[in-house]
Amino acid sequence: MKKGLFFLAAILWAAAASFAQIDKMKEVLDDEMDTENFTLRFLNALNGEPVEGAVVELDDIGKFETDMDGKIKFPRTPDGQIGVHFKADGYIPTDMFVEVVAGSIFNNHISVSPEMAMEYFRIILDWNRHPRDLDAHFTKDDDYHISFRNMKVSDDGTATLDRDDTDSFGPETITVKEIASDAHYTFWVQDFTNRDNSNSKALSRSGATVKVYGNGELLDVFTVPQDGRGNKWNVFEIVDGKINKLDNISSR
């Protein structure tokens, strides 16, 4: 009986995952089919749900409000960077850039952080359609390793994997309640889809971005280096309480 219930639960979970992937792909197709407008979608980094009613200002373009799907549409622009300024009740204001390349915004899903305690530290990973599964990893030397396949919550409860995503776009989100000034931390991203191919360029072509929030604001944004070979993106380390950029692709 227990085995039967487990098997049924597994089938239902797989079906739900498949429907979620279908919904995501429908969004992508809808966005790509619109030849007159670009679309940006804003998601809650803790649960992946759309953020409705946010005010988004685009440099030299205009001001918009997100709809029930968390999206805004605006006229297509030439290739280049667009400054994006996001504000919404209950969320940390986010100022960043998106890039138009070859007439497309390759990763138009932007995950934003709900408000949190000033001392908290939050890392958010977004990426494009391919590869399907990127994994966020955050380690504190001689203490914990937060990731889906290691420890989802540190033993002392100060670090948590809030959300794992295995079917494209993200977000994957890690929240840390305390950063010790005398400890060393490292954050990296593994291309789990191509984990056995150390020569792969898929990670460098994923359009992955990492946003780091702390002190009630967006502290930094990292974009994956292009045309690198490898399945591990070493993003940053924290030394003496300060973020140091690593930003290189290597083999795991």
C-alpha atoms as a PDB file:
ATOM      1  CA  MET A   1       0.000   0.000   0.000  1.00  0.00           C
ATOM      2  CA  LYS A   2       2.762   2.432   0.965  1.00  0.00           C
ATOM      3  CA  LYS A   3       4.665   1.640  -2.229  1.00  0.00           C
ATOM      4  CA  GLY A   4       1.507   2.290  -4.251  1.00  0.00           C
ATOM      5  CA  LEU A   5       0.986   5.666  -2.594  1.00  0.00           C
ATOM      6  CA  PHE A   6       4.639   6.574  -3.141  1.00  0.00           C
ATOM      7  CA  PHE A   7       4.372   5.605  -6.819  1.00  0.00           C
ATOM      8  CA  LEU A   8       1.193   7.679  -7.227  1.00  0.00           C
ATOM      9  CA  ALA A   9       2.818  10.663  -5.527  1.00  0.00           C
ATOM     10  CA  ALA A  10       5.819  10.360  -7.871  1.00  0.00           C
ATOM     11  CA  ILE A  11       3.519  10.340 -10.916  1.00  0.00           C
ATOM     12  CA  LEU A  12       1.635  13.403  -9.674  1.00  0.00           C
ATOM     13  CA  TRP A  13       4.904  15.237  -8.942  1.00  0.00           C
ATOM     14  CA  ALA A  14       6.240  14.449 -12.432  1.00  0.00           C
ATOM     15  CA  ALA A  15       2.973  15.615 -14.007  1.00  0.00           C
ATOM     16  CA  ALA A  16       3.069  18.876 -12.053  1.00  0.00           C
ATOM     17  CA  ALA A  17       6.693  19.432 -13.093  1.00  0.00           C
ATOM     18  CA  SER A  18       5.769  18.780 -16.734  1.00  0.00           C
ATOM     19  CA  PHE A  19       2.871  21.253 -16.600  1.00  0.00           C
ATOM     20  CA  ALA A  20       5.163  23.857 -15.031  1.00  0.00           C
ATOM     21  CA  GLN A  21       7.671  23.388 -17.851  1.00  0.00           C
ATOM     22  CA  ILE A  22       4.899  23.654 -20.445  1.00  0.00           C
ATOM     23  CA  ASP A  23       3.715  26.918 -18.880  1.00  0.00           C
ATOM     24  CA  LYS A  24       7.243  28.322 -18.959  1.00  0.00           C
ATOM     25  CA  MET A  25       7.716  27.357 -22.601  1.00  0.00           C
ATOM     26  CA  LYS A  26       4.381  28.946 -23.499  1.00  0.00           C
ATOM     27  CA  GLU A  27       5.572  32.177 -21.887  1.00  0.00           C
ATOM     28  CA  VAL A  28       8.793  32.046 -23.909  1.00  0.00           C
ATOM     29  CA  LEU A  29       6.937  31.448 -27.173  1.00  0.00           C
ATOM     30  CA  ASP A  30       4.454  34.240 -26.427  1.00  0.00           C
ATOM     31  CA  ASP A  31       7.312  36.657 -25.747  1.00  0.00           C
ATOM     32  CA  GLU A  32       9.277  35.637 -28.843  1.00  0.00           C
ATOM     33  CA  MET A  33       6.221  35.763 -31.140  1.00  0.00           C
ATOM     34  CA  ASP A  34       5.613  39.433 -30.344  1.00  0.00           C
ATOM     35  CA  THR A  35       7.546  41.149 -33.124  1.00  0.00           C
ATOM     36  CA  GLU A  36       6.650  44.677 -31.998  1.00  0.00           C
ATOM     37  CA  ASN A  37       7.406  44.565 -28.278  1.00  0.00           C
ATOM     38  CA  PHE A  38       9.934  43.251 -25.785  1.00  0.00           C
ATOM     39  CA  THR A  39       8.695  41.633 -22.566  1.00  0.00           C
ATOM     40  CA  LEU A  40      10.246  41.664 -19.094  1.00  0.00           C
ATOM     41  CA  ARG A  41       8.847  39.372 -16.398  1.00  0.00           C
ATOM     42  CA  PHE A  42       9.384  40.030 -12.683  1.00  0.00           C
ATOM     43  CA  LEU A  43       9.230  37.137 -10.213  1.00  0.00           C
ATOM     44  CA  ASN A  44       9.317  36.722  -6.445  1.00  0.00           C
ATOM     45  CA  ALA A  45      12.734  35.175  -5.729  1.00  0.00           C
ATOM     46  CA  LEU A  46      11.380  33.072  -2.845  1.00  0.00           C
ATOM     47  CA  ASN A  47       8.571  31.288  -4.666  1.00  0.00           C
ATOM     48  CA  GLY A  48       8.907  32.128  -8.378  1.00  0.00           C
ATOM     49  CA  GLU A  49       5.449  33.729  -8.490  1.00  0.00           C
ATOM     50  CA  PRO A  50       4.780  36.835 -10.651  1.00  0.00           C
ATOM     51  CA  VAL A  51       5.045  40.260  -9.004  1.00  0.00           C
ATOM     52  CA  GLU A  52       1.906  42.224  -9.892  1.00  0.00           C
ATOM     53  CA  GLY A  53       1.541  46.004  -9.572  1.00  0.00           C
ATOM     54  CA  ALA A  54       5.253  46.861  -9.539  1.00  0.00           C
ATOM     55  CA  VAL A  55       6.429  50.128 -11.078  1.00  0.00           C
ATOM     56  CA  VAL A  56       9.222  49.617 -13.593  1.00  0.00           C
ATOM     57  CA  GLU A  57      11.043  52.551 -15.162  1.00  0.00           C
ATOM     58  CA  LEU A  58      13.206  51.981 -18.238  1.00  0.00           C
ATOM     59  CA  ASP A  59      15.835  54.596 -19.074  1.00  0.00           C
ATOM     60  CA  ASP A  60      14.856  56.749 -22.069  1.00  0.00           C
ATOM     61  CA  ILE A  61      11.800  54.548 -22.692  1.00  0.00           C
ATOM     62  CA  GLY A  62       9.171  55.141 -20.035  1.00  0.00           C
ATOM     63  CA  LYS A  63       7.420  53.966 -16.886  1.00  0.00           C
ATOM     64  CA  PHE A  64       5.308  50.797 -16.734  1.00  0.00           C
ATOM     65  CA  GLU A  65       3.292  48.695 -14.257  1.00  0.00           C
ATOM     66  CA  THR A  66       3.531  44.914 -14.146  1.00  0.00           C
ATOM     67  CA  ASP A  67       0.335  42.968 -14.900  1.00  0.00           C
ATOM     68  CA  MET A  68      -1.021  39.858 -13.183  1.00  0.00           C
ATOM     69  CA  ASP A  69       1.657  37.788 -14.917  1.00  0.00           C
ATOM     70  CA  GLY A  70       4.366  40.058 -13.543  1.00  0.00           C
ATOM     71  CA  LYS A  71       5.230  41.352 -16.994  1.00  0.00           C
ATOM     72  CA  ILE A  72       5.633  44.627 -18.842  1.00  0.00           C
ATOM     73  CA  LYS A  73       5.758  45.142 -22.590  1.00  0.00           C
ATOM     74  CA  PHE A  74       7.562  47.975 -24.356  1.00  0.00           C
ATOM     75  CA  PRO A  75       8.491  48.796 -27.971  1.00  0.00           C
ATOM     76  CA  ARG A  76      11.507  46.959 -29.331  1.00  0.00           C
ATOM     77  CA  THR A  77      14.752  48.922 -29.162  1.00  0.00           C
ATOM     78  CA  PRO A  78      18.125  48.656 -30.952  1.00  0.00           C
ATOM     79  CA  ASP A  79      20.856  46.445 -29.511  1.00  0.00           C
ATOM     80  CA  GLY A  80      22.461  47.772 -26.338  1.00  0.00           C
ATOM     81  CA  GLN A  81      21.889  48.068 -22.598  1.00  0.00           C
ATOM     82  CA  ILE A  82      18.629  49.220 -21.009  1.00  0.00           C
ATOM     83  CA  GLY A  83      18.609  50.562 -17.458  1.00  0.00           C
ATOM     84  CA  VAL A  84      15.830  48.921 -15.419  1.00  0.00           C
ATOM     85  CA  HIS A  85      14.516  50.406 -12.145  1.00  0.00           C
ATOM     86  CA  PHE A  86      12.062  48.221 -10.201  1.00  0.00           C
ATOM     87  CA  LYS A  87       9.936  49.261  -7.197  1.00  0.00           C
ATOM     88  CA  ALA A  88       7.075  47.464  -5.465  1.00  0.00           C
ATOM     89  CA  ASP A  89       5.544  47.376  -1.995  1.00  0.00           C
ATOM     90  CA  GLY A  90       7.193  44.687   0.083  1.00  0.00           C
ATOM     91  CA  TYR A  91      10.221  44.330  -2.214  1.00  0.00           C
ATOM     92  CA  ILE A  92      13.743  45.731  -2.205  1.00  0.00           C
ATOM     93  CA  PRO A  93      14.171  48.341  -4.990  1.00  0.00           C
ATOM     94  CA  THR A  94      16.288  46.910  -7.785  1.00  0.00           C
ATOM     95  CA  ASP A  95      18.315  48.879 -10.339  1.00  0.00           C
ATOM     96  CA  MET A  96      20.086  46.879 -13.044  1.00  0.00           C
ATOM     97  CA  PHE A  97      20.651  46.542 -16.781  1.00  0.00           C
ATOM     98  CA  VAL A  98      19.282  44.155 -19.366  1.00  0.00           C
ATOM     99  CA  GLU A  99      20.996  43.759 -22.701  1.00  0.00           C
ATOM    100  CA  VAL A 100      19.474  43.558 -26.167  1.00  0.00           C
ATOM    101  CA  VAL A 101      21.636  41.388 -28.431  1.00  0.00           C
ATOM    102  CA  ALA A 102      20.745  40.470 -32.015  1.00  0.00           C
ATOM    103  CA  GLY A 103      17.274  41.908 -31.501  1.00  0.00           C
ATOM    104  CA  SER A 104      16.494  39.801 -28.403  1.00  0.00           C
ATOM    105  CA  ILE A 105      16.610  39.988 -24.623  1.00  0.00           C
ATOM    106  CA  PHE A 106      17.924  36.502 -23.945  1.00  0.00           C
ATOM    107  CA  ASN A 107      16.932  36.335 -20.289  1.00  0.00           C
ATOM    108  CA  ASN A 108      13.834  38.416 -19.687  1.00  0.00           C
ATOM    109  CA  HIS A 109      12.937  36.725 -16.371  1.00  0.00           C
ATOM    110  CA  ILE A 110      14.082  38.963 -13.498  1.00  0.00           C
ATOM    111  CA  SER A 111      13.713  37.627  -9.960  1.00  0.00           C
ATOM    112  CA  VAL A 112      13.552  40.254  -7.205  1.00  0.00           C
ATOM    113  CA  SER A 113      13.906  40.015  -3.451  1.00  0.00           C
ATOM    114  CA  PRO A 114      11.116  40.551  -0.932  1.00  0.00           C
ATOM    115  CA  GLU A 115      12.122  42.823   1.934  1.00  0.00           C
ATOM    116  CA  MET A 116      14.192  41.188   4.674  1.00  0.00           C
ATOM    117  CA  ALA A 117      16.080  42.079   7.827  1.00  0.00           C
ATOM    118  CA  MET A 118      18.963  44.503   7.252  1.00  0.00           C
ATOM    119  CA  GLU A 119      21.573  41.968   8.387  1.00  0.00           C
ATOM    120  CA  TYR A 120      20.313  39.270   5.998  1.00  0.00           C
ATOM    121  CA  PHE A 121      22.165  38.419   2.788  1.00  0.00           C
ATOM    122  CA  ARG A 122      20.356  36.969  -0.254  1.00  0.00           C
ATOM    123  CA  ILE A 123      21.706  35.497  -3.494  1.00  0.00           C
ATOM    124  CA  ILE A 124      19.439  34.986  -6.516  1.00  0.00           C
ATOM    125  CA  LEU A 125      20.315  33.011  -9.658  1.00  0.00           C
ATOM    126  CA  ASP A 126      18.370  33.423 -12.921  1.00  0.00           C
ATOM    127  CA  TRP A 127      19.199  32.011 -16.347  1.00  0.00           C
ATOM    128  CA  ASN A 128      17.782  31.344 -19.795  1.00  0.00           C
ATOM    129  CA  ARG A 129      16.020  28.358 -21.371  1.00  0.00           C
ATOM    130  CA  HIS A 130      19.207  26.285 -21.689  1.00  0.00           C
ATOM    131  CA  PRO A 131      20.663  24.478 -19.813  1.00  0.00           C
ATOM    132  CA  ARG A 132      17.600  23.318 -17.910  1.00  0.00           C
ATOM    133  CA  ASP A 133      19.287  22.808 -14.555  1.00  0.00           C
ATOM    134  CA  LEU A 134      21.816  25.164 -12.973  1.00  0.00           C
ATOM    135  CA  ASP A 135      22.600  24.720  -9.276  1.00  0.00           C
ATOM    136  CA  ALA A 136      23.557  27.446  -6.782  1.00  0.00           C
ATOM    137  CA  HIS A 137      26.250  26.599  -4.211  1.00  0.00           C
ATOM    138  CA  PHE A 138      27.222  28.648  -1.157  1.00  0.00           C
ATOM    139  CA  THR A 139      29.900  27.499   1.270  1.00  0.00           C
ATOM    140  CA  LYS A 140      31.296  28.697   4.568  1.00  0.00           C
ATOM    141  CA  ASP A 141      34.766  27.237   5.063  1.00  0.00           C
ATOM    142  CA  ASP A 142      34.912  24.426   7.628  1.00  0.00           C
ATOM    143  CA  ASP A 143      31.200  24.812   8.352  1.00  0.00           C
ATOM    144  CA  TYR A 144      28.488  24.344   5.705  1.00  0.00           C
ATOM    145  CA  HIS A 145      27.779  23.826   2.010  1.00  0.00           C
ATOM    146  CA  ILE A 146      24.329  24.996   0.916  1.00  0.00           C
ATOM    147  CA  SER A 147      22.938  23.509  -2.307  1.00  0.00           C
ATOM    148  CA  PHE A 148      20.187  21.172  -3.449  1.00  0.00           C
ATOM    149  CA  ARG A 149      22.474  18.120  -3.293  1.00  0.00           C
ATOM    150  CA  ASN A 150      24.324  18.960  -0.099  1.00  0.00           C
ATOM    151  CA  MET A 151      22.694  20.835   2.765  1.00  0.00           C
ATOM    152  CA  LYS A 152      19.467  22.796   2.192  1.00  0.00           C
ATOM    153  CA  VAL A 153      19.663  24.353   5.666  1.00  0.00           C
ATOM    154  CA  SER A 154      22.847  24.857   7.680  1.00  0.00           C
ATOM    155  CA  ASP A 155      23.052  23.091  11.036  1.00  0.00           C
ATOM    156  CA  ASP A 156      22.763  26.413  12.876  1.00  0.00           C
ATOM    157  CA  GLY A 157      19.835  27.532  10.721  1.00  0.00           C
ATOM    158  CA  THR A 158      21.589  30.685   9.478  1.00  0.00           C
ATOM    159  CA  ALA A 159      21.724  29.707   5.782  1.00  0.00           C
ATOM    160  CA  THR A 160      18.890  28.282   3.679  1.00  0.00           C
ATOM    161  CA  LEU A 161      18.245  27.212   0.106  1.00  0.00           C
ATOM    162  CA  ASP A 162      14.875  28.929  -0.317  1.00  0.00           C
ATOM    163  CA  ARG A 163      14.141  27.716  -3.814  1.00  0.00           C
ATOM    164  CA  ASP A 164      15.569  25.139  -6.229  1.00  0.00           C
ATOM    165  CA  ASP A 165      14.700  25.110  -9.939  1.00  0.00           C
ATOM    166  CA  THR A 166      15.365  22.241 -12.359  1.00  0.00           C
ATOM    167  CA  ASP A 167      13.409  23.257 -15.461  1.00  0.00           C
ATOM    168  CA  SER A 168      15.011  26.446 -16.809  1.00  0.00           C
ATOM    169  CA  PHE A 169      14.999  30.157 -15.934  1.00  0.00           C
ATOM    170  CA  GLY A 170      15.202  29.922 -12.139  1.00  0.00           C
ATOM    171  CA  PRO A 171      15.189  31.443  -9.685  1.00  0.00           C
ATOM    172  CA  GLU A 172      17.440  29.568  -7.317  1.00  0.00           C
ATOM    173  CA  THR A 173      17.662  31.543  -4.092  1.00  0.00           C
ATOM    174  CA  ILE A 174      19.830  31.299  -0.977  1.00  0.00           C
ATOM    175  CA  THR A 175      19.303  33.452   2.132  1.00  0.00           C
ATOM    176  CA  VAL A 176      21.924  33.870   4.844  1.00  0.00           C
ATOM    177  CA  LYS A 177      20.879  35.381   8.177  1.00  0.00           C
ATOM    178  CA  GLU A 178      24.393  36.192   9.291  1.00  0.00           C
ATOM    179  CA  ILE A 179      27.722  36.823   7.549  1.00  0.00           C
ATOM    180  CA  ALA A 180      30.570  36.434  10.060  1.00  0.00           C
ATOM    181  CA  SER A 181      33.309  39.032   9.552  1.00  0.00           C
ATOM    182  CA  ASP A 182      36.062  36.514  10.306  1.00  0.00           C
ATOM    183  CA  ALA A 183      34.788  33.738   8.001  1.00  0.00           C
ATOM    184  CA  HIS A 184      35.439  32.940   4.335  1.00  0.00           C
ATOM    185  CA  TYR A 185      32.482  32.247   2.021  1.00  0.00           C
ATOM    186  CA  THR A 186      32.286  31.236  -1.633  1.00  0.00           C
ATOM    187  CA  PHE A 187      29.389  31.245  -4.107  1.00  0.00           C
ATOM    188  CA  TRP A 188      29.446  29.346  -7.391  1.00  0.00           C
ATOM    189  CA  VAL A 189      27.062  27.920  -9.991  1.00  0.00           C
ATOM    190  CA  GLN A 190      27.259  24.396 -11.399  1.00  0.00           C
ATOM    191  CA  ASP A 191      25.795  23.396 -14.744  1.00  0.00           C
ATOM    192  CA  PHE A 192      24.152  20.221 -13.478  1.00  0.00           C
ATOM    193  CA  THR A 193      22.718  19.410 -16.915  1.00  0.00           C
ATOM    194  CA  ASN A 194      26.240  19.206 -18.393  1.00  0.00           C
ATOM    195  CA  ARG A 195      28.014  18.112 -15.213  1.00  0.00           C
ATOM    196  CA  ASP A 196      29.879  15.335 -17.052  1.00  0.00           C
ATOM    197  CA  ASN A 197      31.110  17.574 -19.885  1.00  0.00           C
ATOM    198  CA  SER A 198      33.967  19.756 -18.668  1.00  0.00           C
ATOM    199  CA  ASN A 199      34.401  21.126 -22.209  1.00  0.00           C
ATOM    200  CA  SER A 200      30.837  22.419 -22.500  1.00  0.00           C
ATOM    201  CA  LYS A 201      30.063  26.042 -23.412  1.00  0.00           C
ATOM    202  CA  ALA A 202      26.431  25.733 -22.326  1.00  0.00           C
ATOM    203  CA  LEU A 203      26.945  27.476 -18.979  1.00  0.00           C
ATOM    204  CA  SER A 204      28.719  30.447 -20.560  1.00  0.00           C
ATOM    205  CA  ARG A 205      25.855  30.754 -23.056  1.00  0.00           C
ATOM    206  CA  SER A 206      23.106  30.430 -20.443  1.00  0.00           C
ATOM    207  CA  GLY A 207      22.610  34.171 -19.895  1.00  0.00           C
ATOM    208  CA  ALA A 208      22.858  33.465 -16.158  1.00  0.00           C
ATOM    209  CA  THR A 209      22.794  36.396 -13.748  1.00  0.00           C
ATOM    210  CA  VAL A 210      23.389  36.492 -10.004  1.00  0.00           C
ATOM    211  CA  LYS A 211      21.957  39.297  -7.868  1.00  0.00           C
ATOM    212  CA  VAL A 212      23.227  39.854  -4.338  1.00  0.00           C
ATOM    213  CA  TYR A 213      21.082  41.709  -1.782  1.00  0.00           C
ATOM    214  CA  GLY A 214      22.104  42.929   1.667  1.00  0.00           C
ATOM    215  CA  ASN A 215      21.711  45.941   3.966  1.00  0.00           C
ATOM    216  CA  GLY A 216      18.241  46.406   2.482  1.00  0.00           C
ATOM    217  CA  GLU A 217      19.525  47.036  -1.054  1.00  0.00           C
ATOM    218  CA  LEU A 218      20.887  45.405  -4.187  1.00  0.00           C
ATOM    219  CA  LEU A 219      24.645  45.123  -3.611  1.00  0.00           C
ATOM    220  CA  ASP A 220      25.895  43.594  -6.852  1.00  0.00           C
ATOM    221  CA  VAL A 221      24.901  41.922 -10.114  1.00  0.00           C
ATOM    222  CA  PHE A 222      27.062  39.355 -11.911  1.00  0.00           C
ATOM    223  CA  THR A 223      26.583  38.089 -15.479  1.00  0.00           C
ATOM    224  CA  VAL A 224      28.131  34.804 -16.592  1.00  0.00           C
ATOM    225  CA  PRO A 225      31.278  35.255 -18.754  1.00  0.00           C
ATOM    226  CA  GLN A 226      30.642  34.361 -22.392  1.00  0.00           C
ATOM    227  CA  ASP A 227      32.426  31.742 -24.514  1.00  0.00           C
ATOM    228  CA  GLY A 228      34.113  29.994 -21.593  1.00  0.00           C
ATOM    229  CA  ARG A 229      34.459  26.220 -21.474  1.00  0.00           C
ATOM    230  CA  GLY A 230      33.492  24.425 -18.308  1.00  0.00           C
ATOM    231  CA  ASN A 231      30.551  23.551 -16.080  1.00  0.00           C
ATOM    232  CA  LYS A 232      31.367  25.648 -13.008  1.00  0.00           C
ATOM    233  CA  TRP A 233      31.011  29.420 -12.702  1.00  0.00           C
ATOM    234  CA  ASN A 234      32.996  30.765  -9.756  1.00  0.00           C
ATOM    235  CA  VAL A 235      31.040  33.946  -9.027  1.00  0.00           C
ATOM    236  CA  PHE A 236      32.332  35.596  -5.838  1.00  0.00           C
ATOM    237  CA  GLU A 237      33.827  35.103  -2.395  1.00  0.00           C
ATOM    238  CA  ILE A 238      33.299  36.992   0.854  1.00  0.00           C
ATOM    239  CA  VAL A 239      36.420  37.909   2.808  1.00  0.00           C
ATOM    240  CA  ASP A 240      36.367  40.121   5.927  1.00  0.00           C
ATOM    241  CA  GLY A 241      32.685  40.734   5.254  1.00  0.00           C
ATOM    242  CA  LYS A 242      33.351  42.134   1.752  1.00  0.00           C
ATOM    243  CA  ILE A 243      32.348  40.708  -1.639  1.00  0.00           C
ATOM    244  CA  ASN A 244      35.285  39.921  -3.927  1.00  0.00           C
ATOM    245  CA  LYS A 245      34.562  39.196  -7.575  1.00  0.00           C
ATOM    246  CA  LEU A 246      35.845  35.886  -8.988  1.00  0.00           C
ATOM    247  CA  ASP A 247      33.717  35.608 -12.137  1.00  0.00           C
ATOM    248  CA  ASN A 248      35.419  32.835 -14.101  1.00  0.00           C
ATOM    249  CA  ILE A 249      34.377  29.578 -15.768  1.00  0.00           C
ATOM    250  CA  SER A 250      36.203  26.369 -14.847  1.00  0.00           C
ATOM    251  CA  SER A 251      35.783  22.608 -14.897  1.00  0.00           C
ATOM    252  CA  ARG A 252      34.314  21.012 -11.809  1.00  0.00           C
END
